[in-house]
Amino acid sequence: MTLTELVGRYVTEEKPDTLLLDSDTVMAQAVTATLFYAGYAAITSEPTTIDSSTELSYSEWALIRPLFLLYVDRETAVQLEASRMMGVDVFGRSTSEVMQEIMQAENELAHKAFYRD
């Protein structure tokens, strides 16, 4: 499946009513997570560039998805914290809380993605 299809499924089926980010921002997080993964493992489809048309296998997405979700959470937290100046009551995790989980997930991804024949 392409990143466009995977992100589209996330936006329309998994988080249709609760997602605060626009589709372009969510796609940017998917590309960022995929780029991070590509630093540790070769992507099966061997893309020349990683963008919304990049093809991923289900096993690749299974490793990338947790990091993608954390990146989306971080962007949501950033926007919510920025809205505090307008008097909005912030809910959910803070940016610093999400960043701790991101650091842990990024460190673990190297071990999960490593493959040797």
C-alpha atoms as a PDB file:
ATOM      1  CA  MET A   1       0.000   0.000   0.000  1.00  0.00           C
ATOM      2  CA  THR A   2       1.136   3.567  -0.562  1.00  0.00           C
ATOM      3  CA  LEU A   3       1.593   6.083   2.231  1.00  0.00           C
ATOM      4  CA  THR A   4      -1.374   7.983   0.752  1.00  0.00           C
ATOM      5  CA  GLU A   5      -3.595   4.929   1.219  1.00  0.00           C
ATOM      6  CA  LEU A   6      -2.308   4.199   4.719  1.00  0.00           C
ATOM      7  CA  VAL A   7      -2.685   7.801   5.884  1.00  0.00           C
ATOM      8  CA  GLY A   8      -6.084   8.048   4.200  1.00  0.00           C
ATOM      9  CA  ARG A   9      -7.268   5.000   6.116  1.00  0.00           C
ATOM     10  CA  TYR A  10      -5.971   6.496   9.369  1.00  0.00           C
ATOM     11  CA  VAL A  11      -7.659   9.863   8.773  1.00  0.00           C
ATOM     12  CA  THR A  12     -11.007   8.547   7.508  1.00  0.00           C
ATOM     13  CA  GLU A  13     -11.458   5.255   9.351  1.00  0.00           C
ATOM     14  CA  GLU A  14      -9.443   5.394  12.554  1.00  0.00           C
ATOM     15  CA  LYS A  15      -9.707   9.052  13.571  1.00  0.00           C
ATOM     16  CA  PRO A  16     -12.502  10.642  11.517  1.00  0.00           C
ATOM     17  CA  ASP A  17     -13.976  12.711  14.357  1.00  0.00           C
ATOM     18  CA  THR A  18     -11.103  13.227  16.772  1.00  0.00           C
ATOM     19  CA  LEU A  19      -8.133  14.173  14.595  1.00  0.00           C
ATOM     20  CA  LEU A  20      -7.240  17.853  14.941  1.00  0.00           C
ATOM     21  CA  LEU A  21      -4.569  17.915  12.223  1.00  0.00           C
ATOM     22  CA  ASP A  22      -5.135  18.392   8.503  1.00  0.00           C
ATOM     23  CA  SER A  23      -4.300  15.580   6.071  1.00  0.00           C
ATOM     24  CA  ASP A  24      -1.129  17.279   4.797  1.00  0.00           C
ATOM     25  CA  THR A  25       0.294  17.494   8.317  1.00  0.00           C
ATOM     26  CA  VAL A  26      -0.576  13.858   8.982  1.00  0.00           C
ATOM     27  CA  MET A  27       1.074  12.862   5.685  1.00  0.00           C
ATOM     28  CA  ALA A  28       4.204  14.807   6.634  1.00  0.00           C
ATOM     29  CA  GLN A  29       4.407  12.769   9.855  1.00  0.00           C
ATOM     30  CA  ALA A  30       4.075   9.516   7.900  1.00  0.00           C
ATOM     31  CA  VAL A  31       6.867  10.556   5.543  1.00  0.00           C
ATOM     32  CA  THR A  32       9.073  11.575   8.480  1.00  0.00           C
ATOM     33  CA  ALA A  33       8.514   8.251  10.256  1.00  0.00           C
ATOM     34  CA  THR A  34       9.204   6.344   7.020  1.00  0.00           C
ATOM     35  CA  LEU A  35      12.424   8.294   6.453  1.00  0.00           C
ATOM     36  CA  PHE A  36      13.542   7.432   9.968  1.00  0.00           C
ATOM     37  CA  TYR A  37      12.775   3.744   9.352  1.00  0.00           C
ATOM     38  CA  ALA A  38      14.673   3.840   6.047  1.00  0.00           C
ATOM     39  CA  GLY A  39      17.767   4.801   7.983  1.00  0.00           C
ATOM     40  CA  TYR A  40      17.796   1.335   9.535  1.00  0.00           C
ATOM     41  CA  ALA A  41      16.186  -0.926   6.938  1.00  0.00           C
ATOM     42  CA  ALA A  42      15.781  -1.076   3.194  1.00  0.00           C
ATOM     43  CA  ILE A  43      12.238  -0.498   1.999  1.00  0.00           C
ATOM     44  CA  THR A  44      11.126  -3.434  -0.127  1.00  0.00           C
ATOM     45  CA  SER A  45       9.770  -1.308  -2.969  1.00  0.00           C
ATOM     46  CA  GLU A  46      13.180   0.413  -3.255  1.00  0.00           C
ATOM     47  CA  PRO A  47      11.880   3.964  -3.792  1.00  0.00           C
ATOM     48  CA  THR A  48      14.251   6.617  -5.122  1.00  0.00           C
ATOM     49  CA  THR A  49      12.568   9.167  -2.851  1.00  0.00           C
ATOM     50  CA  ILE A  50      10.252   8.758   0.094  1.00  0.00           C
ATOM     51  CA  ASP A  51       7.001  10.636  -0.339  1.00  0.00           C
ATOM     52  CA  SER A  52       3.245  10.043  -0.335  1.00  0.00           C
ATOM     53  CA  SER A  53       3.519   7.563  -3.224  1.00  0.00           C
ATOM     54  CA  THR A  54       6.016   5.301  -1.447  1.00  0.00           C
ATOM     55  CA  GLU A  55       4.887   1.683  -1.360  1.00  0.00           C
ATOM     56  CA  LEU A  56       5.190  -0.123   1.972  1.00  0.00           C
ATOM     57  CA  SER A  57       4.586  -3.729   2.886  1.00  0.00           C
ATOM     58  CA  TYR A  58       2.328  -4.498   5.823  1.00  0.00           C
ATOM     59  CA  SER A  59       5.314  -5.632   7.874  1.00  0.00           C
ATOM     60  CA  GLU A  60       7.148  -2.362   7.167  1.00  0.00           C
ATOM     61  CA  TRP A  61       4.085  -0.333   8.150  1.00  0.00           C
ATOM     62  CA  ALA A  62       3.738  -2.407  11.331  1.00  0.00           C
ATOM     63  CA  LEU A  63       7.183  -1.163  12.386  1.00  0.00           C
ATOM     64  CA  ILE A  64       6.700   2.418  11.154  1.00  0.00           C
ATOM     65  CA  ARG A  65       3.135   2.955  12.418  1.00  0.00           C
ATOM     66  CA  PRO A  66       3.898   3.292  16.168  1.00  0.00           C
ATOM     67  CA  LEU A  67       6.432   6.022  15.435  1.00  0.00           C
ATOM     68  CA  PHE A  68       3.994   7.669  13.000  1.00  0.00           C
ATOM     69  CA  LEU A  69       1.304   7.713  15.698  1.00  0.00           C
ATOM     70  CA  LEU A  70       3.712   9.325  18.154  1.00  0.00           C
ATOM     71  CA  TYR A  71       4.677  11.964  15.586  1.00  0.00           C
ATOM     72  CA  VAL A  72       0.975  12.725  15.055  1.00  0.00           C
ATOM     73  CA  ASP A  73       0.490  12.954  18.834  1.00  0.00           C
ATOM     74  CA  ARG A  74       3.430  15.362  19.074  1.00  0.00           C
ATOM     75  CA  GLU A  75       2.029  17.636  16.339  1.00  0.00           C
ATOM     76  CA  THR A  76      -1.380  17.572  18.016  1.00  0.00           C
ATOM     77  CA  ALA A  77       0.189  18.492  21.371  1.00  0.00           C
ATOM     78  CA  VAL A  78       2.147  21.349  19.775  1.00  0.00           C
ATOM     79  CA  GLN A  79      -1.001  22.797  18.222  1.00  0.00           C
ATOM     80  CA  LEU A  80      -3.010  22.407  21.411  1.00  0.00           C
ATOM     81  CA  GLU A  81      -0.301  24.037  23.492  1.00  0.00           C
ATOM     82  CA  ALA A  82      -0.124  26.908  21.002  1.00  0.00           C
ATOM     83  CA  SER A  83      -3.896  27.387  21.292  1.00  0.00           C
ATOM     84  CA  ARG A  84      -3.542  27.915  25.043  1.00  0.00           C
ATOM     85  CA  MET A  85      -2.811  31.596  24.314  1.00  0.00           C
ATOM     86  CA  MET A  86      -6.337  31.874  22.883  1.00  0.00           C
ATOM     87  CA  GLY A  87      -7.857  30.552  26.084  1.00  0.00           C
ATOM     88  CA  VAL A  88      -8.417  26.975  24.931  1.00  0.00           C
ATOM     89  CA  ASP A  89      -8.275  24.416  27.723  1.00  0.00           C
ATOM     90  CA  VAL A  90      -5.595  21.912  26.706  1.00  0.00           C
ATOM     91  CA  PHE A  91      -6.258  18.195  27.084  1.00  0.00           C
ATOM     92  CA  GLY A  92      -4.176  15.100  26.448  1.00  0.00           C
ATOM     93  CA  ARG A  93      -0.454  14.606  26.727  1.00  0.00           C
ATOM     94  CA  SER A  94       2.040  17.440  26.645  1.00  0.00           C
ATOM     95  CA  THR A  95       4.712  17.788  23.986  1.00  0.00           C
ATOM     96  CA  SER A  96       7.434  16.805  26.449  1.00  0.00           C
ATOM     97  CA  GLU A  97       5.568  13.626  27.423  1.00  0.00           C
ATOM     98  CA  VAL A  98       5.208  12.603  23.779  1.00  0.00           C
ATOM     99  CA  MET A  99       8.842  13.470  23.041  1.00  0.00           C
ATOM    100  CA  GLN A 100       9.991  11.027  25.724  1.00  0.00           C
ATOM    101  CA  GLU A 101       8.016   8.249  24.063  1.00  0.00           C
ATOM    102  CA  ILE A 102       9.333   9.260  20.633  1.00  0.00           C
ATOM    103  CA  MET A 103      12.916   9.010  21.847  1.00  0.00           C
ATOM    104  CA  GLN A 104      12.235   5.548  23.230  1.00  0.00           C
ATOM    105  CA  ALA A 105      10.451   4.399  20.040  1.00  0.00           C
ATOM    106  CA  GLU A 106      13.227   5.756  17.824  1.00  0.00           C
ATOM    107  CA  ASN A 107      15.848   3.930  19.885  1.00  0.00           C
ATOM    108  CA  GLU A 108      13.880   0.673  19.717  1.00  0.00           C
ATOM    109  CA  LEU A 109      13.216   0.935  15.980  1.00  0.00           C
ATOM    110  CA  ALA A 110      16.875   0.312  15.160  1.00  0.00           C
ATOM    111  CA  HIS A 111      16.646  -3.104  16.821  1.00  0.00           C
ATOM    112  CA  LYS A 112      13.233  -3.949  15.395  1.00  0.00           C
ATOM    113  CA  ALA A 113      14.089  -2.948  11.820  1.00  0.00           C
ATOM    114  CA  PHE A 114      17.482  -4.652  11.672  1.00  0.00           C
ATOM    115  CA  TYR A 115      17.540  -7.658   9.362  1.00  0.00           C
ATOM    116  CA  ARG A 116      20.406  -9.827   8.189  1.00  0.00           C
ATOM    117  CA  ASP A 117      20.306 -12.723   5.758  1.00  0.00           C
END
